[in-house]
Amino acid sequence: MLELTDTARKELEAYFADKKKATIRIYAAAGCCGPRLALALDEPDNDDHAEESHGFNFCIKKDLLGQIQGVKVDLTYMGFAVEPLVPLEGGGSSACGGCSSAAGCGG
Protein backbone atom coordinates (compact mmCIF):
# COMPACT_ATOMS: atom_id res chain seq x y z
CA MET A 1 0.00 0.00 0.00
CA LEU A 2 2.87 2.40 0.75
CA GLU A 3 5.97 3.31 -1.22
CA LEU A 4 8.45 5.56 0.58
CA THR A 5 11.20 6.89 -1.69
CA ASP A 6 14.79 7.16 -0.49
CA THR A 7 14.69 10.96 -0.57
CA ALA A 8 11.50 11.05 1.53
CA ARG A 9 12.97 8.48 3.95
CA LYS A 10 16.11 10.59 4.40
CA GLU A 11 14.04 13.70 5.08
CA LEU A 12 11.97 11.85 7.70
CA GLU A 13 15.16 10.51 9.30
CA ALA A 14 16.51 14.06 9.53
CA TYR A 15 13.25 15.36 10.98
CA PHE A 16 13.10 12.67 13.68
CA ALA A 17 16.86 12.71 14.40
CA ASP A 18 16.37 14.52 17.71
CA LYS A 19 12.72 13.55 18.32
CA LYS A 20 10.80 10.44 19.30
CA LYS A 21 9.32 8.87 16.17
CA ALA A 22 5.58 9.36 15.92
CA THR A 23 3.05 7.73 13.61
CA ILE A 24 2.61 9.60 10.33
CA ARG A 25 -0.97 9.92 9.11
CA ILE A 26 -1.81 10.08 5.42
CA TYR A 27 -5.09 11.93 4.99
CA ALA A 28 -7.24 13.74 2.43
CA ALA A 29 -7.15 17.52 2.80
CA ALA A 30 -9.14 20.17 0.98
CA GLY A 31 -7.15 22.34 -1.38
CA CYS A 32 -7.75 24.95 -4.05
CA CYS A 33 -7.25 22.26 -6.70
CA GLY A 34 -9.61 19.80 -5.03
CA PRO A 35 -8.82 17.13 -2.46
CA ARG A 36 -5.19 16.15 -2.04
CA LEU A 37 -3.25 13.80 0.18
CA ALA A 38 -1.17 15.22 3.01
CA LEU A 39 0.88 14.07 6.01
CA ALA A 40 0.47 14.80 9.72
CA LEU A 41 1.66 13.30 12.99
CA ASP A 42 -1.20 11.37 14.61
CA GLU A 43 -2.02 8.16 16.46
CA PRO A 44 -3.89 5.39 14.60
CA ASP A 45 -7.38 4.29 15.64
CA ASN A 46 -9.67 1.35 14.85
CA ASP A 47 -10.69 2.84 11.49
CA ASP A 48 -7.08 2.94 10.28
CA HIS A 49 -4.81 0.68 8.31
CA ALA A 50 -1.34 0.87 9.87
CA GLU A 51 1.87 0.01 8.03
CA GLU A 52 5.60 0.23 8.74
CA SER A 53 8.08 1.30 6.08
CA HIS A 54 11.82 1.82 6.60
CA GLY A 55 11.37 2.18 10.36
CA PHE A 56 8.49 4.67 10.14
CA ASN A 57 4.89 3.91 11.09
CA PHE A 58 2.14 5.23 8.84
CA CYS A 59 -1.62 5.13 9.18
CA ILE A 60 -4.48 5.89 6.81
CA LYS A 61 -8.25 5.55 7.13
CA LYS A 62 -9.32 2.18 5.69
CA ASP A 63 -12.03 3.75 3.51
CA LEU A 64 -9.53 6.25 2.04
CA LEU A 65 -7.05 3.45 1.35
CA GLY A 66 -9.83 1.49 -0.36
CA GLN A 67 -10.47 4.48 -2.61
CA ILE A 68 -6.84 5.23 -3.56
CA GLN A 69 -5.49 1.64 -3.48
CA GLY A 70 -2.04 2.74 -2.29
CA VAL A 71 0.23 5.74 -2.02
CA LYS A 72 3.73 6.94 -2.87
CA VAL A 73 5.46 9.38 -0.52
CA ASP A 74 8.27 11.30 -2.22
CA LEU A 75 10.18 14.51 -1.63
CA THR A 76 10.32 17.39 -4.10
CA TYR A 77 11.96 20.81 -3.86
CA MET A 78 8.57 22.05 -2.54
CA GLY A 79 8.23 19.44 0.23
CA PHE A 80 6.61 16.04 0.51
CA ALA A 81 4.56 14.81 -2.44
CA VAL A 82 1.89 12.28 -1.45
CA GLU A 83 0.58 10.62 -4.60
CA PRO A 84 -2.32 8.13 -4.66
CA LEU A 85 -2.25 5.13 -7.01
CA VAL A 86 -5.87 5.90 -7.94
CA PRO A 87 -6.57 9.66 -8.06
CA LEU A 88 -8.98 11.17 -5.57
CA GLU A 89 -12.28 12.23 -7.11
CA GLY A 90 -12.04 15.93 -7.88
CA GLY A 91 -8.31 16.17 -7.24
CA GLY A 92 -5.84 13.47 -6.50
CA SER A 93 -2.41 14.53 -5.44
CA SER A 94 -0.39 16.88 -3.32
CA ALA A 95 0.31 19.03 -6.37
CA CYS A 96 -1.74 19.92 -9.44
CA GLY A 97 -1.47 22.55 -12.14
CA GLY A 98 1.07 24.66 -10.33
CA CYS A 99 -0.84 24.40 -7.07
CA SER A 100 0.81 22.61 -4.17
CA SER A 101 0.68 22.32 -0.42
CA ALA A 102 4.08 24.00 -0.19
CA ALA A 103 2.63 27.01 -1.99
CA GLY A 104 0.09 27.42 0.79
CA CYS A 105 -2.74 26.10 -1.30
CA GLY A 106 -5.52 25.00 1.01
CA GLY A 107 -3.32 23.40 3.55
C-alpha atoms as a PDB file:
ATOM      1  CA  MET A   1       0.000   0.000   0.000  1.00  0.00           C
ATOM      2  CA  LEU A   2       2.869   2.404   0.746  1.00  0.00           C
ATOM      3  CA  GLU A   3       5.973   3.315  -1.218  1.00  0.00           C
ATOM      4  CA  LEU A   4       8.446   5.557   0.580  1.00  0.00           C
ATOM      5  CA  THR A   5      11.199   6.893  -1.687  1.00  0.00           C
ATOM      6  CA  ASP A   6      14.794   7.157  -0.492  1.00  0.00           C
ATOM      7  CA  THR A   7      14.694  10.960  -0.567  1.00  0.00           C
ATOM      8  CA  ALA A   8      11.503  11.047   1.529  1.00  0.00           C
ATOM      9  CA  ARG A   9      12.972   8.485   3.948  1.00  0.00           C
ATOM     10  CA  LYS A  10      16.114  10.588   4.401  1.00  0.00           C
ATOM     11  CA  GLU A  11      14.040  13.702   5.080  1.00  0.00           C
ATOM     12  CA  LEU A  12      11.968  11.848   7.696  1.00  0.00           C
ATOM     13  CA  GLU A  13      15.159  10.506   9.303  1.00  0.00           C
ATOM     14  CA  ALA A  14      16.512  14.059   9.526  1.00  0.00           C
ATOM     15  CA  TYR A  15      13.246  15.357  10.985  1.00  0.00           C
ATOM     16  CA  PHE A  16      13.098  12.667  13.676  1.00  0.00           C
ATOM     17  CA  ALA A  17      16.858  12.711  14.400  1.00  0.00           C
ATOM     18  CA  ASP A  18      16.366  14.520  17.714  1.00  0.00           C
ATOM     19  CA  LYS A  19      12.716  13.552  18.319  1.00  0.00           C
ATOM     20  CA  LYS A  20      10.797  10.439  19.304  1.00  0.00           C
ATOM     21  CA  LYS A  21       9.320   8.868  16.173  1.00  0.00           C
ATOM     22  CA  ALA A  22       5.579   9.360  15.920  1.00  0.00           C
ATOM     23  CA  THR A  23       3.045   7.735  13.615  1.00  0.00           C
ATOM     24  CA  ILE A  24       2.613   9.604  10.329  1.00  0.00           C
ATOM     25  CA  ARG A  25      -0.969   9.918   9.112  1.00  0.00           C
ATOM     26  CA  ILE A  26      -1.808  10.075   5.417  1.00  0.00           C
ATOM     27  CA  TYR A  27      -5.091  11.932   4.991  1.00  0.00           C
ATOM     28  CA  ALA A  28      -7.236  13.737   2.428  1.00  0.00           C
ATOM     29  CA  ALA A  29      -7.147  17.515   2.803  1.00  0.00           C
ATOM     30  CA  ALA A  30      -9.138  20.173   0.975  1.00  0.00           C
ATOM     31  CA  GLY A  31      -7.145  22.340  -1.383  1.00  0.00           C
ATOM     32  CA  CYS A  32      -7.752  24.955  -4.053  1.00  0.00           C
ATOM     33  CA  CYS A  33      -7.248  22.260  -6.697  1.00  0.00           C
ATOM     34  CA  GLY A  34      -9.614  19.802  -5.028  1.00  0.00           C
ATOM     35  CA  PRO A  35      -8.822  17.127  -2.460  1.00  0.00           C
ATOM     36  CA  ARG A  36      -5.187  16.150  -2.042  1.00  0.00           C
ATOM     37  CA  LEU A  37      -3.251  13.802   0.181  1.00  0.00           C
ATOM     38  CA  ALA A  38      -1.169  15.221   3.013  1.00  0.00           C
ATOM     39  CA  LEU A  39       0.884  14.071   6.009  1.00  0.00           C
ATOM     40  CA  ALA A  40       0.474  14.795   9.719  1.00  0.00           C
ATOM     41  CA  LEU A  41       1.658  13.298  12.995  1.00  0.00           C
ATOM     42  CA  ASP A  42      -1.202  11.371  14.608  1.00  0.00           C
ATOM     43  CA  GLU A  43      -2.025   8.157  16.456  1.00  0.00           C
ATOM     44  CA  PRO A  44      -3.893   5.387  14.602  1.00  0.00           C
ATOM     45  CA  ASP A  45      -7.376   4.287  15.640  1.00  0.00           C
ATOM     46  CA  ASN A  46      -9.666   1.350  14.852  1.00  0.00           C
ATOM     47  CA  ASP A  47     -10.694   2.843  11.487  1.00  0.00           C
ATOM     48  CA  ASP A  48      -7.078   2.939  10.276  1.00  0.00           C
ATOM     49  CA  HIS A  49      -4.812   0.676   8.313  1.00  0.00           C
ATOM     50  CA  ALA A  50      -1.341   0.873   9.874  1.00  0.00           C
ATOM     51  CA  GLU A  51       1.867   0.013   8.030  1.00  0.00           C
ATOM     52  CA  GLU A  52       5.605   0.233   8.741  1.00  0.00           C
ATOM     53  CA  SER A  53       8.079   1.302   6.077  1.00  0.00           C
ATOM     54  CA  HIS A  54      11.822   1.825   6.605  1.00  0.00           C
ATOM     55  CA  GLY A  55      11.366   2.181  10.358  1.00  0.00           C
ATOM     56  CA  PHE A  56       8.492   4.672  10.136  1.00  0.00           C
ATOM     57  CA  ASN A  57       4.894   3.914  11.094  1.00  0.00           C
ATOM     58  CA  PHE A  58       2.142   5.227   8.843  1.00  0.00           C
ATOM     59  CA  CYS A  59      -1.619   5.131   9.182  1.00  0.00           C
ATOM     60  CA  ILE A  60      -4.484   5.888   6.810  1.00  0.00           C
ATOM     61  CA  LYS A  61      -8.245   5.549   7.126  1.00  0.00           C
ATOM     62  CA  LYS A  62      -9.315   2.183   5.687  1.00  0.00           C
ATOM     63  CA  ASP A  63     -12.029   3.750   3.510  1.00  0.00           C
ATOM     64  CA  LEU A  64      -9.531   6.252   2.040  1.00  0.00           C
ATOM     65  CA  LEU A  65      -7.053   3.452   1.349  1.00  0.00           C
ATOM     66  CA  GLY A  66      -9.831   1.485  -0.365  1.00  0.00           C
ATOM     67  CA  GLN A  67     -10.467   4.480  -2.612  1.00  0.00           C
ATOM     68  CA  ILE A  68      -6.843   5.234  -3.561  1.00  0.00           C
ATOM     69  CA  GLN A  69      -5.486   1.643  -3.475  1.00  0.00           C
ATOM     70  CA  GLY A  70      -2.035   2.739  -2.294  1.00  0.00           C
ATOM     71  CA  VAL A  71       0.226   5.743  -2.025  1.00  0.00           C
ATOM     72  CA  LYS A  72       3.730   6.937  -2.870  1.00  0.00           C
ATOM     73  CA  VAL A  73       5.455   9.383  -0.519  1.00  0.00           C
ATOM     74  CA  ASP A  74       8.265  11.304  -2.217  1.00  0.00           C
ATOM     75  CA  LEU A  75      10.175  14.513  -1.632  1.00  0.00           C
ATOM     76  CA  THR A  76      10.324  17.395  -4.104  1.00  0.00           C
ATOM     77  CA  TYR A  77      11.957  20.807  -3.865  1.00  0.00           C
ATOM     78  CA  MET A  78       8.575  22.049  -2.544  1.00  0.00           C
ATOM     79  CA  GLY A  79       8.235  19.440   0.227  1.00  0.00           C
ATOM     80  CA  PHE A  80       6.610  16.040   0.514  1.00  0.00           C
ATOM     81  CA  ALA A  81       4.557  14.814  -2.438  1.00  0.00           C
ATOM     82  CA  VAL A  82       1.888  12.283  -1.451  1.00  0.00           C
ATOM     83  CA  GLU A  83       0.583  10.623  -4.601  1.00  0.00           C
ATOM     84  CA  PRO A  84      -2.324   8.132  -4.662  1.00  0.00           C
ATOM     85  CA  LEU A  85      -2.246   5.133  -7.010  1.00  0.00           C
ATOM     86  CA  VAL A  86      -5.872   5.901  -7.936  1.00  0.00           C
ATOM     87  CA  PRO A  87      -6.572   9.656  -8.061  1.00  0.00           C
ATOM     88  CA  LEU A  88      -8.983  11.166  -5.570  1.00  0.00           C
ATOM     89  CA  GLU A  89     -12.276  12.230  -7.112  1.00  0.00           C
ATOM     90  CA  GLY A  90     -12.043  15.929  -7.883  1.00  0.00           C
ATOM     91  CA  GLY A  91      -8.309  16.166  -7.245  1.00  0.00           C
ATOM     92  CA  GLY A  92      -5.840  13.469  -6.503  1.00  0.00           C
ATOM     93  CA  SER A  93      -2.414  14.535  -5.437  1.00  0.00           C
ATOM     94  CA  SER A  94      -0.394  16.883  -3.323  1.00  0.00           C
ATOM     95  CA  ALA A  95       0.308  19.027  -6.370  1.00  0.00           C
ATOM     96  CA  CYS A  96      -1.738  19.919  -9.439  1.00  0.00           C
ATOM     97  CA  GLY A  97      -1.473  22.546 -12.137  1.00  0.00           C
ATOM     98  CA  GLY A  98       1.070  24.665 -10.326  1.00  0.00           C
ATOM     99  CA  CYS A  99      -0.844  24.402  -7.073  1.00  0.00           C
ATOM    100  CA  SER A 100       0.810  22.612  -4.171  1.00  0.00           C
ATOM    101  CA  SER A 101       0.681  22.317  -0.420  1.00  0.00           C
ATOM    102  CA  ALA A 102       4.082  24.002  -0.187  1.00  0.00           C
ATOM    103  CA  ALA A 103       2.631  27.014  -1.993  1.00  0.00           C
ATOM    104  CA  GLY A 104       0.094  27.421   0.793  1.00  0.00           C
ATOM    105  CA  CYS A 105      -2.736  26.100  -1.304  1.00  0.00           C
ATOM    106  CA  GLY A 106      -5.517  25.004   1.008  1.00  0.00           C
ATOM    107  CA  GLY A 107      -3.319  23.404   3.554  1.00  0.00           C
END
